[in-house]
Amino acid sequence: MRVMKGMTIDEIADELGIPWKTAHKRIEKLGEKPLSYKALYDPSIVDKIRDVKMGRPKKIIEPKKPAKAKKKK
């Protein structure tokens, strides 16, 4: 029997101290695929997902244009 070294999502979440769902979403966002059909991931993935930016990006607010001056007749 062949033994694979890897980590499950539960183990990754415990290592980072985050919920299972958060770890799963971060892995999805990175596009990482499991090493096997039993969802074992390379242990180096812990460092990759530690600081993944999640959520909606900040809205960029453009400065208002100054009002046009009225022409004098």
C-alpha atoms as a PDB file:
ATOM      1  CA  MET A   1       0.000   0.000   0.000  1.00  0.00           C
ATOM      2  CA  ARG A   2       1.255   3.464  -0.905  1.00  0.00           C
ATOM      3  CA  VAL A   3       1.229   6.156   1.767  1.00  0.00           C
ATOM      4  CA  MET A   4       0.626   9.755   0.719  1.00  0.00           C
ATOM      5  CA  LYS A   5       1.758  12.694   2.769  1.00  0.00           C
ATOM      6  CA  GLY A   6      -0.760  15.473   2.846  1.00  0.00           C
ATOM      7  CA  MET A   7      -3.206  17.448   4.948  1.00  0.00           C
ATOM      8  CA  THR A   8      -6.978  17.482   5.013  1.00  0.00           C
ATOM      9  CA  ILE A   9      -8.926  20.735   5.090  1.00  0.00           C
ATOM     10  CA  ASP A  10      -9.698  20.097   8.776  1.00  0.00           C
ATOM     11  CA  GLU A  11      -5.982  19.830   9.567  1.00  0.00           C
ATOM     12  CA  ILE A  12      -5.211  22.967   7.549  1.00  0.00           C
ATOM     13  CA  ALA A  13      -7.964  24.888   9.362  1.00  0.00           C
ATOM     14  CA  ASP A  14      -6.671  23.722  12.765  1.00  0.00           C
ATOM     15  CA  GLU A  15      -3.117  24.750  11.832  1.00  0.00           C
ATOM     16  CA  LEU A  16      -4.259  28.270  10.899  1.00  0.00           C
ATOM     17  CA  GLY A  17      -6.872  28.585  13.655  1.00  0.00           C
ATOM     18  CA  ILE A  18      -9.664  29.355  11.181  1.00  0.00           C
ATOM     19  CA  PRO A  19     -13.021  27.658  10.458  1.00  0.00           C
ATOM     20  CA  TRP A  20     -13.154  24.738   8.009  1.00  0.00           C
ATOM     21  CA  LYS A  21     -15.296  26.699   5.539  1.00  0.00           C
ATOM     22  CA  THR A  22     -12.810  29.600   5.482  1.00  0.00           C
ATOM     23  CA  ALA A  23      -9.908  27.260   4.718  1.00  0.00           C
ATOM     24  CA  HIS A  24     -11.958  25.584   1.992  1.00  0.00           C
ATOM     25  CA  LYS A  25     -12.889  28.907   0.349  1.00  0.00           C
ATOM     26  CA  ARG A  26      -9.285  30.153   0.419  1.00  0.00           C
ATOM     27  CA  ILE A  27      -8.096  26.953  -1.256  1.00  0.00           C
ATOM     28  CA  GLU A  28     -10.819  27.356  -3.896  1.00  0.00           C
ATOM     29  CA  LYS A  29      -9.822  30.979  -4.493  1.00  0.00           C
ATOM     30  CA  LEU A  30      -6.211  29.940  -5.116  1.00  0.00           C
ATOM     31  CA  GLY A  31      -7.402  27.245  -7.518  1.00  0.00           C
ATOM     32  CA  GLU A  32      -5.409  24.535  -5.734  1.00  0.00           C
ATOM     33  CA  LYS A  33      -6.364  20.947  -6.490  1.00  0.00           C
ATOM     34  CA  PRO A  34      -6.109  18.109  -3.949  1.00  0.00           C
ATOM     35  CA  LEU A  35      -3.369  15.492  -4.301  1.00  0.00           C
ATOM     36  CA  SER A  36      -5.900  12.674  -4.195  1.00  0.00           C
ATOM     37  CA  TYR A  37      -9.626  12.051  -4.417  1.00  0.00           C
ATOM     38  CA  LYS A  38      -9.725  11.988  -0.601  1.00  0.00           C
ATOM     39  CA  ALA A  39      -8.939  15.733  -0.581  1.00  0.00           C
ATOM     40  CA  LEU A  40      -5.360  15.576   0.675  1.00  0.00           C
ATOM     41  CA  TYR A  41      -3.435  18.772   0.007  1.00  0.00           C
ATOM     42  CA  ASP A  42       0.294  19.443  -0.067  1.00  0.00           C
ATOM     43  CA  PRO A  43       1.352  20.741   3.384  1.00  0.00           C
ATOM     44  CA  SER A  44       2.889  23.848   1.752  1.00  0.00           C
ATOM     45  CA  ILE A  45      -0.657  25.080   1.055  1.00  0.00           C
ATOM     46  CA  VAL A  46      -0.889  26.325   4.657  1.00  0.00           C
ATOM     47  CA  ASP A  47       1.557  29.135   3.882  1.00  0.00           C
ATOM     48  CA  LYS A  48      -0.178  29.910   0.585  1.00  0.00           C
ATOM     49  CA  ILE A  49      -3.643  30.437   2.096  1.00  0.00           C
ATOM     50  CA  ARG A  50      -2.525  32.174   5.285  1.00  0.00           C
ATOM     51  CA  ASP A  51      -3.010  35.685   3.824  1.00  0.00           C
ATOM     52  CA  VAL A  52      -5.436  35.214   0.926  1.00  0.00           C
ATOM     53  CA  LYS A  53      -7.509  38.343   0.368  1.00  0.00           C
ATOM     54  CA  MET A  54     -11.214  37.503   0.500  1.00  0.00           C
ATOM     55  CA  GLY A  55     -14.364  39.516   0.021  1.00  0.00           C
ATOM     56  CA  ARG A  56     -15.396  42.353  -2.206  1.00  0.00           C
ATOM     57  CA  PRO A  57     -12.639  44.789  -3.230  1.00  0.00           C
ATOM     58  CA  LYS A  58     -12.767  48.304  -1.836  1.00  0.00           C
ATOM     59  CA  LYS A  59     -14.669  50.778  -3.978  1.00  0.00           C
ATOM     60  CA  ILE A  60     -12.487  53.460  -5.534  1.00  0.00           C
ATOM     61  CA  ILE A  61     -13.978  56.887  -4.936  1.00  0.00           C
ATOM     62  CA  GLU A  62     -12.998  59.456  -7.532  1.00  0.00           C
ATOM     63  CA  PRO A  63     -12.617  63.079  -6.402  1.00  0.00           C
ATOM     64  CA  LYS A  64     -15.416  65.422  -7.415  1.00  0.00           C
ATOM     65  CA  LYS A  65     -14.771  67.765 -10.331  1.00  0.00           C
ATOM     66  CA  PRO A  66     -14.879  71.471  -9.545  1.00  0.00           C
ATOM     67  CA  ALA A  67     -17.996  73.318 -10.705  1.00  0.00           C
ATOM     68  CA  LYS A  68     -17.636  75.378 -13.873  1.00  0.00           C
ATOM     69  CA  ALA A  69     -17.585  79.143 -13.422  1.00  0.00           C
ATOM     70  CA  LYS A  70     -20.426  81.087 -15.031  1.00  0.00           C
ATOM     71  CA  LYS A  71     -19.522  83.392 -17.908  1.00  0.00           C
ATOM     72  CA  LYS A  72     -20.233  87.094 -17.393  1.00  0.00           C
ATOM     73  CA  LYS A  73     -21.992  89.000 -20.179  1.00  0.00           C
END
